[in-house]
Amino acid sequence: MKNVLQLLNWQDYRCALTGRLLTPDDASLDHIVPVRDGGEHVIENTQILHRDINRAKSILTNETFIKMCREVASHTS
């Protein structure tokens, strides 16, 4: 728990992918490299995301998720 609080502080209480301000109710711990893709269950492989972003990201890597978001934004612009 101490490491998670340090991570949250390091991220300035903001979502690692969107910059949204986080509260205890909407902060969600996420694996940067999903465990199913060989990511380790260690603090260095985690980030704190807004819970809605974490749900949307699901089991994707950051890179794949960001690419998908760019495709959506490009298509809907």
Protein backbone atom coordinates (compact mmCIF):
# COMPACT_ATOMS: atom_id res chain seq x y z
CA MET A 1 0.00 0.00 0.00
CA LYS A 2 2.87 2.38 0.80
CA ASN A 3 4.33 1.90 -2.70
CA VAL A 4 0.95 2.64 -4.29
CA LEU A 5 0.65 5.89 -2.34
CA GLN A 6 4.19 6.83 -3.41
CA LEU A 7 3.26 6.10 -7.03
CA LEU A 8 0.13 8.22 -6.73
CA ASN A 9 2.19 11.06 -5.26
CA TRP A 10 4.82 10.70 -8.02
CA GLN A 11 2.03 10.98 -10.62
CA ASP A 12 0.78 14.19 -8.90
CA TYR A 13 -2.54 12.45 -8.21
CA ARG A 14 -3.23 12.37 -11.95
CA CYS A 15 -4.08 9.55 -14.34
CA ALA A 16 -0.90 8.34 -16.04
CA LEU A 17 -2.57 8.31 -19.48
CA THR A 18 -4.99 11.24 -19.45
CA GLY A 19 -3.77 13.58 -16.75
CA ARG A 20 -7.21 13.56 -15.10
CA LEU A 21 -7.14 14.44 -11.44
CA LEU A 22 -7.61 11.30 -9.34
CA THR A 23 -9.61 10.80 -6.18
CA PRO A 24 -9.68 7.70 -3.98
CA ASP A 25 -13.03 6.78 -5.57
CA ASP A 26 -11.80 6.80 -9.18
CA ALA A 27 -8.12 5.76 -8.93
CA SER A 28 -7.32 2.31 -10.30
CA LEU A 29 -4.03 0.39 -10.28
CA ASP A 30 -3.04 -0.92 -13.73
CA HIS A 31 -0.26 -3.10 -15.14
CA ILE A 32 1.71 -1.21 -17.80
CA VAL A 33 2.63 -4.49 -19.49
CA PRO A 34 -0.26 -6.88 -18.89
CA VAL A 35 0.62 -9.98 -16.87
CA ARG A 36 -0.80 -12.16 -19.64
CA ASP A 37 1.81 -10.62 -21.99
CA GLY A 38 4.69 -11.36 -19.63
CA GLY A 39 4.45 -8.27 -17.45
CA GLU A 40 5.50 -8.77 -13.88
CA HIS A 41 3.30 -8.16 -10.87
CA VAL A 42 5.69 -5.57 -9.41
CA ILE A 43 5.29 -1.88 -8.57
CA GLU A 44 7.65 -0.91 -11.42
CA ASN A 45 5.13 -2.38 -13.88
CA THR A 46 2.19 -0.44 -12.49
CA GLN A 47 0.60 2.91 -13.00
CA ILE A 48 -2.48 4.54 -11.60
CA LEU A 49 -5.23 5.34 -14.05
CA HIS A 50 -8.68 6.84 -13.79
CA ARG A 51 -11.00 3.86 -13.31
CA ASP A 52 -12.90 4.58 -16.57
CA ILE A 53 -9.64 4.69 -18.53
CA ASN A 54 -8.48 1.44 -16.92
CA ARG A 55 -11.75 -0.24 -17.91
CA ALA A 56 -11.38 0.97 -21.50
CA LYS A 57 -7.69 -0.05 -21.63
CA SER A 58 -8.54 -3.48 -20.26
CA ILE A 59 -5.72 -5.89 -21.15
CA LEU A 60 -4.05 -3.69 -23.77
CA THR A 61 -0.55 -2.30 -23.46
CA ASN A 62 -0.28 1.48 -23.19
CA GLU A 63 1.05 1.61 -26.74
CA THR A 64 -1.84 -0.39 -28.21
CA PHE A 65 -4.42 1.54 -26.21
CA ILE A 66 -3.03 4.93 -27.28
CA LYS A 67 -2.89 3.81 -30.92
CA MET A 68 -6.54 2.73 -30.72
CA CYS A 69 -7.55 6.05 -29.15
CA ARG A 70 -5.79 7.93 -31.95
CA GLU A 71 -7.65 5.86 -34.54
CA VAL A 72 -10.98 6.65 -32.88
CA ALA A 73 -10.15 10.37 -32.63
CA SER A 74 -9.02 10.48 -36.25
CA HIS A 75 -12.11 8.69 -37.50
CA THR A 76 -14.55 10.87 -35.56
CA SER A 77 -12.90 14.24 -36.28
